[in-house]
Amino acid sequence: MDRILGGTPEHSNGAPTTVALAAEVQVPRNALTQRHTDLKSDFYDRARARGQIPDSERRLRQQVRRLADFSSSGLPTRRKSPSSRSMSRHW
C-alpha cells in the first residue's frame, strides 16, 4: 500500500485501485474485496487524503455527470409499454 501511494510500485501499475493493490501485495483481488474490506477501505481513504481518486469512483462520477447532462437535455424519457405494465400486475 505504501509503495503505491508513494509512487514506487514494484508489482503493479501504481494506480489507486484494488486491482493494483492486490497485484502489489501479490494476493488475489477477491482477498481484498471480500475478506479484507478494512484494508481496501483504508487504502481508498489514504489515496483520497493524498488527492488521488480511485478509478472506480472517477468512472462513477463521469457516469453521473453524463446522466445529469442527458436528463437536463430535455429529451423525452422512455416509458414502459402497456404490455409490460399489465404483466407486472400478475406477479
N, C-alpha and C. Protein backbone atom coordinates (compact mmCIF):
# COMPACT_ATOMS: atom_id res chain seq x y z
N MET A 1 0.83 -1.18 0.00
CA MET A 1 0.00 0.00 0.00
C MET A 1 0.88 1.26 0.00
N ASP A 2 1.91 1.25 0.82
CA ASP A 2 2.80 2.41 0.90
C ASP A 2 3.56 2.63 -0.40
N ARG A 3 3.92 1.54 -1.08
CA ARG A 3 4.64 1.69 -2.35
C ARG A 3 3.76 2.33 -3.40
N ILE A 4 2.50 1.93 -3.48
CA ILE A 4 1.59 2.52 -4.47
C ILE A 4 1.37 3.99 -4.15
N LEU A 5 1.05 4.27 -2.90
CA LEU A 5 0.78 5.65 -2.52
C LEU A 5 2.02 6.53 -2.59
N GLY A 6 3.19 5.91 -2.41
CA GLY A 6 4.44 6.64 -2.50
C GLY A 6 4.96 6.80 -3.92
N GLY A 7 4.31 6.15 -4.88
CA GLY A 7 4.72 6.26 -6.27
C GLY A 7 5.86 5.35 -6.67
N THR A 8 6.11 4.30 -5.87
CA THR A 8 7.19 3.37 -6.21
C THR A 8 6.70 1.92 -6.24
N PRO A 9 5.69 1.62 -7.06
CA PRO A 9 5.18 0.25 -7.12
C PRO A 9 6.21 -0.70 -7.71
N GLU A 10 6.21 -1.93 -7.25
CA GLU A 10 7.13 -2.94 -7.77
C GLU A 10 6.43 -4.01 -8.59
N HIS A 11 5.16 -4.30 -8.27
CA HIS A 11 4.46 -5.40 -8.93
C HIS A 11 3.15 -4.98 -9.60
N SER A 12 2.90 -3.68 -9.70
CA SER A 12 1.65 -3.21 -10.30
C SER A 12 1.91 -1.95 -11.10
N ASN A 13 0.84 -1.41 -11.68
CA ASN A 13 0.97 -0.17 -12.45
C ASN A 13 0.91 1.07 -11.58
N GLY A 14 0.64 0.91 -10.29
CA GLY A 14 0.64 2.03 -9.36
C GLY A 14 -0.66 2.80 -9.29
N ALA A 15 -1.69 2.35 -9.98
CA ALA A 15 -2.98 3.03 -9.94
C ALA A 15 -3.63 2.85 -8.57
N PRO A 16 -4.41 3.83 -8.12
CA PRO A 16 -5.07 3.70 -6.82
C PRO A 16 -6.33 2.84 -6.92
N THR A 17 -6.14 1.55 -7.21
CA THR A 17 -7.26 0.62 -7.36
C THR A 17 -7.00 -0.63 -6.56
N THR A 18 -8.07 -1.39 -6.29
CA THR A 18 -7.89 -2.65 -5.58
C THR A 18 -7.15 -3.66 -6.44
N VAL A 19 -7.30 -3.56 -7.75
CA VAL A 19 -6.57 -4.47 -8.65
C VAL A 19 -5.07 -4.24 -8.50
N ALA A 20 -4.66 -2.98 -8.52
CA ALA A 20 -3.24 -2.66 -8.37
C ALA A 20 -2.74 -3.02 -6.97
N LEU A 21 -3.55 -2.76 -5.96
CA LEU A 21 -3.15 -3.10 -4.59
C LEU A 21 -2.96 -4.61 -4.44
N ALA A 22 -3.90 -5.37 -4.99
CA ALA A 22 -3.77 -6.84 -4.92
C ALA A 22 -2.53 -7.31 -5.66
N ALA A 23 -2.26 -6.74 -6.83
CA ALA A 23 -1.07 -7.13 -7.58
C ALA A 23 0.19 -6.75 -6.82
N GLU A 24 0.17 -5.61 -6.17
CA GLU A 24 1.34 -5.14 -5.44
C GLU A 24 1.68 -6.05 -4.26
N VAL A 25 0.66 -6.51 -3.55
CA VAL A 25 0.92 -7.39 -2.40
C VAL A 25 0.86 -8.86 -2.79
N GLN A 26 0.62 -9.11 -4.09
CA GLN A 26 0.62 -10.45 -4.66
C GLN A 26 -0.38 -11.39 -4.00
N VAL A 27 -1.63 -10.91 -3.91
CA VAL A 27 -2.74 -11.73 -3.43
C VAL A 27 -3.87 -11.61 -4.45
N PRO A 28 -4.80 -12.56 -4.46
CA PRO A 28 -5.94 -12.44 -5.37
C PRO A 28 -6.79 -11.22 -5.01
N ARG A 29 -7.36 -10.59 -6.02
CA ARG A 29 -8.16 -9.39 -5.81
C ARG A 29 -9.33 -9.65 -4.85
N ASN A 30 -9.95 -10.82 -4.97
CA ASN A 30 -11.10 -11.09 -4.11
C ASN A 30 -10.71 -11.18 -2.63
N ALA A 31 -9.43 -11.41 -2.34
CA ALA A 31 -9.00 -11.40 -0.95
C ALA A 31 -9.18 -10.01 -0.35
N LEU A 32 -8.98 -8.97 -1.16
CA LEU A 32 -9.17 -7.61 -0.68
C LEU A 32 -10.64 -7.19 -0.70
N THR A 33 -11.35 -7.58 -1.73
CA THR A 33 -12.72 -7.11 -1.87
C THR A 33 -13.72 -7.88 -1.02
N GLN A 34 -13.36 -9.10 -0.60
CA GLN A 34 -14.32 -9.90 0.17
C GLN A 34 -13.88 -10.16 1.60
N ARG A 35 -12.61 -10.50 1.79
CA ARG A 35 -12.16 -10.87 3.13
C ARG A 35 -11.52 -9.72 3.91
N HIS A 36 -10.81 -8.86 3.22
CA HIS A 36 -10.08 -7.78 3.89
C HIS A 36 -10.60 -6.42 3.46
N THR A 37 -11.90 -6.23 3.64
CA THR A 37 -12.50 -4.96 3.23
C THR A 37 -11.96 -3.79 4.03
N ASP A 38 -11.48 -4.06 5.25
CA ASP A 38 -10.90 -2.99 6.06
C ASP A 38 -9.63 -2.44 5.40
N LEU A 39 -8.82 -3.32 4.82
CA LEU A 39 -7.61 -2.87 4.13
C LEU A 39 -7.95 -2.08 2.87
N LYS A 40 -8.96 -2.56 2.16
CA LYS A 40 -9.39 -1.86 0.94
C LYS A 40 -9.89 -0.47 1.31
N SER A 41 -10.70 -0.36 2.34
CA SER A 41 -11.22 0.94 2.77
C SER A 41 -10.11 1.86 3.23
N ASP A 42 -9.16 1.31 3.97
CA ASP A 42 -8.02 2.11 4.44
C ASP A 42 -7.21 2.63 3.25
N PHE A 43 -7.01 1.78 2.25
CA PHE A 43 -6.27 2.17 1.06
C PHE A 43 -6.97 3.32 0.34
N TYR A 44 -8.29 3.19 0.13
CA TYR A 44 -9.03 4.25 -0.55
C TYR A 44 -9.03 5.54 0.27
N ASP A 45 -9.15 5.44 1.59
CA ASP A 45 -9.12 6.63 2.45
C ASP A 45 -7.78 7.34 2.35
N ARG A 46 -6.71 6.56 2.38
CA ARG A 46 -5.37 7.15 2.28
C ARG A 46 -5.12 7.74 0.90
N ALA A 47 -5.63 7.10 -0.14
CA ALA A 47 -5.48 7.64 -1.50
C ALA A 47 -6.24 8.96 -1.64
N ARG A 48 -7.46 9.03 -1.10
CA ARG A 48 -8.23 10.27 -1.16
C ARG A 48 -7.54 11.39 -0.37
N ALA A 49 -6.96 11.04 0.76
CA ALA A 49 -6.26 12.03 1.58
C ALA A 49 -5.08 12.63 0.82
N ARG A 50 -4.50 11.86 -0.08
CA ARG A 50 -3.38 12.35 -0.88
C ARG A 50 -3.85 13.04 -2.16
N GLY A 51 -5.16 13.11 -2.34
CA GLY A 51 -5.69 13.77 -3.53
C GLY A 51 -5.89 12.84 -4.70
N GLN A 52 -5.67 11.55 -4.53
CA GLN A 52 -5.88 10.58 -5.60
C GLN A 52 -7.30 10.04 -5.49
N ILE A 53 -8.00 10.03 -6.60
CA ILE A 53 -9.35 9.47 -6.61
C ILE A 53 -9.27 8.09 -7.25
N PRO A 54 -9.81 7.06 -6.56
CA PRO A 54 -9.79 5.71 -7.15
C PRO A 54 -10.50 5.69 -8.50
N ASP A 55 -10.01 4.85 -9.40
CA ASP A 55 -10.58 4.76 -10.75
C ASP A 55 -12.07 4.44 -10.72
N SER A 56 -12.50 3.58 -9.81
CA SER A 56 -13.92 3.22 -9.76
C SER A 56 -14.76 4.45 -9.41
N GLU A 57 -14.29 5.27 -8.50
CA GLU A 57 -15.02 6.49 -8.14
C GLU A 57 -14.99 7.49 -9.28
N ARG A 58 -13.88 7.61 -9.97
CA ARG A 58 -13.76 8.52 -11.11
C ARG A 58 -14.74 8.12 -12.21
N ARG A 59 -14.82 6.82 -12.52
CA ARG A 59 -15.76 6.36 -13.55
C ARG A 59 -17.20 6.60 -13.14
N LEU A 60 -17.51 6.37 -11.87
CA LEU A 60 -18.87 6.59 -11.38
C LEU A 60 -19.24 8.07 -11.47
N ARG A 61 -18.32 8.95 -11.10
CA ARG A 61 -18.59 10.38 -11.20
C ARG A 61 -18.81 10.81 -12.65
N GLN A 62 -18.04 10.25 -13.58
CA GLN A 62 -18.24 10.56 -15.00
C GLN A 62 -19.62 10.11 -15.47
N GLN A 63 -20.02 8.92 -15.04
CA GLN A 63 -21.33 8.40 -15.42
C GLN A 63 -22.45 9.28 -14.86
N VAL A 64 -22.30 9.73 -13.63
CA VAL A 64 -23.31 10.60 -13.02
C VAL A 64 -23.40 11.91 -13.81
N ARG A 65 -22.25 12.48 -14.19
CA ARG A 65 -22.26 13.72 -14.99
C ARG A 65 -22.95 13.50 -16.32
N ARG A 66 -22.65 12.38 -17.00
CA ARG A 66 -23.29 12.10 -18.29
C ARG A 66 -24.80 11.96 -18.14
N LEU A 67 -25.23 11.26 -17.09
CA LEU A 67 -26.66 11.09 -16.89
C LEU A 67 -27.34 12.40 -16.54
N ALA A 68 -26.67 13.23 -15.75
CA ALA A 68 -27.23 14.55 -15.41
C ALA A 68 -27.35 15.41 -16.66
N ASP A 69 -26.33 15.38 -17.51
CA ASP A 69 -26.39 16.14 -18.76
C ASP A 69 -27.50 15.62 -19.65
N PHE A 70 -27.64 14.32 -19.71
CA PHE A 70 -28.68 13.71 -20.54
C PHE A 70 -30.06 14.09 -20.03
N SER A 71 -30.27 14.02 -18.72
CA SER A 71 -31.60 14.31 -18.18
C SER A 71 -31.93 15.79 -18.30
N SER A 72 -30.93 16.67 -18.28
CA SER A 72 -31.20 18.10 -18.40
C SER A 72 -31.33 18.54 -19.86
N SER A 73 -31.07 17.62 -20.80
CA SER A 73 -31.14 17.98 -22.21
C SER A 73 -32.57 18.10 -22.72
N GLY A 74 -33.52 17.67 -21.91
CA GLY A 74 -34.92 17.80 -22.30
C GLY A 74 -35.43 16.72 -23.21
N LEU A 75 -34.68 15.67 -23.40
CA LEU A 75 -35.13 14.58 -24.25
C LEU A 75 -36.22 13.79 -23.54
N PRO A 76 -37.19 13.29 -24.27
CA PRO A 76 -38.25 12.50 -23.62
C PRO A 76 -37.68 11.21 -23.04
N THR A 77 -38.25 10.79 -21.93
CA THR A 77 -37.80 9.55 -21.31
C THR A 77 -38.56 8.38 -21.90
N ARG A 78 -37.99 7.22 -21.78
CA ARG A 78 -38.61 6.01 -22.31
C ARG A 78 -39.63 5.50 -21.30
N ARG A 79 -40.81 5.18 -21.78
CA ARG A 79 -41.86 4.67 -20.90
C ARG A 79 -42.05 3.18 -21.15
N LYS A 80 -42.57 2.50 -20.14
CA LYS A 80 -42.87 1.08 -20.29
C LYS A 80 -44.03 0.91 -21.26
N SER A 81 -43.98 -0.15 -22.02
CA SER A 81 -45.08 -0.43 -22.93
C SER A 81 -46.28 -0.94 -22.13
N PRO A 82 -47.48 -0.77 -22.65
CA PRO A 82 -48.67 -1.23 -21.93
C PRO A 82 -48.62 -2.73 -21.59
N SER A 83 -48.03 -3.52 -22.48
CA SER A 83 -48.00 -4.97 -22.22
C SER A 83 -47.10 -5.29 -21.02
N SER A 84 -46.00 -4.55 -20.83
CA SER A 84 -45.13 -4.83 -19.70
C SER A 84 -45.77 -4.40 -18.39
N ARG A 85 -46.60 -3.34 -18.44
CA ARG A 85 -47.29 -2.92 -17.22
C ARG A 85 -48.35 -3.94 -16.82
N SER A 86 -49.05 -4.47 -17.79
CA SER A 86 -50.09 -5.44 -17.45
C SER A 86 -49.49 -6.73 -16.92
N MET A 87 -48.29 -7.10 -17.39
CA MET A 87 -47.65 -8.30 -16.90
C MET A 87 -47.21 -8.13 -15.45
N SER A 88 -46.80 -6.93 -15.07
CA SER A 88 -46.31 -6.73 -13.72
C SER A 88 -47.44 -6.86 -12.70
N ARG A 89 -48.68 -6.63 -13.09
CA ARG A 89 -49.79 -6.77 -12.15
C ARG A 89 -50.06 -8.23 -11.78
N HIS A 90 -49.68 -9.14 -12.65
CA HIS A 90 -49.97 -10.56 -12.41
C HIS A 90 -48.93 -11.24 -11.56
N TRP A 91 -47.86 -10.58 -11.24
CA TRP A 91 -46.81 -11.20 -10.44
C TRP A 91 -47.13 -11.05 -9.04
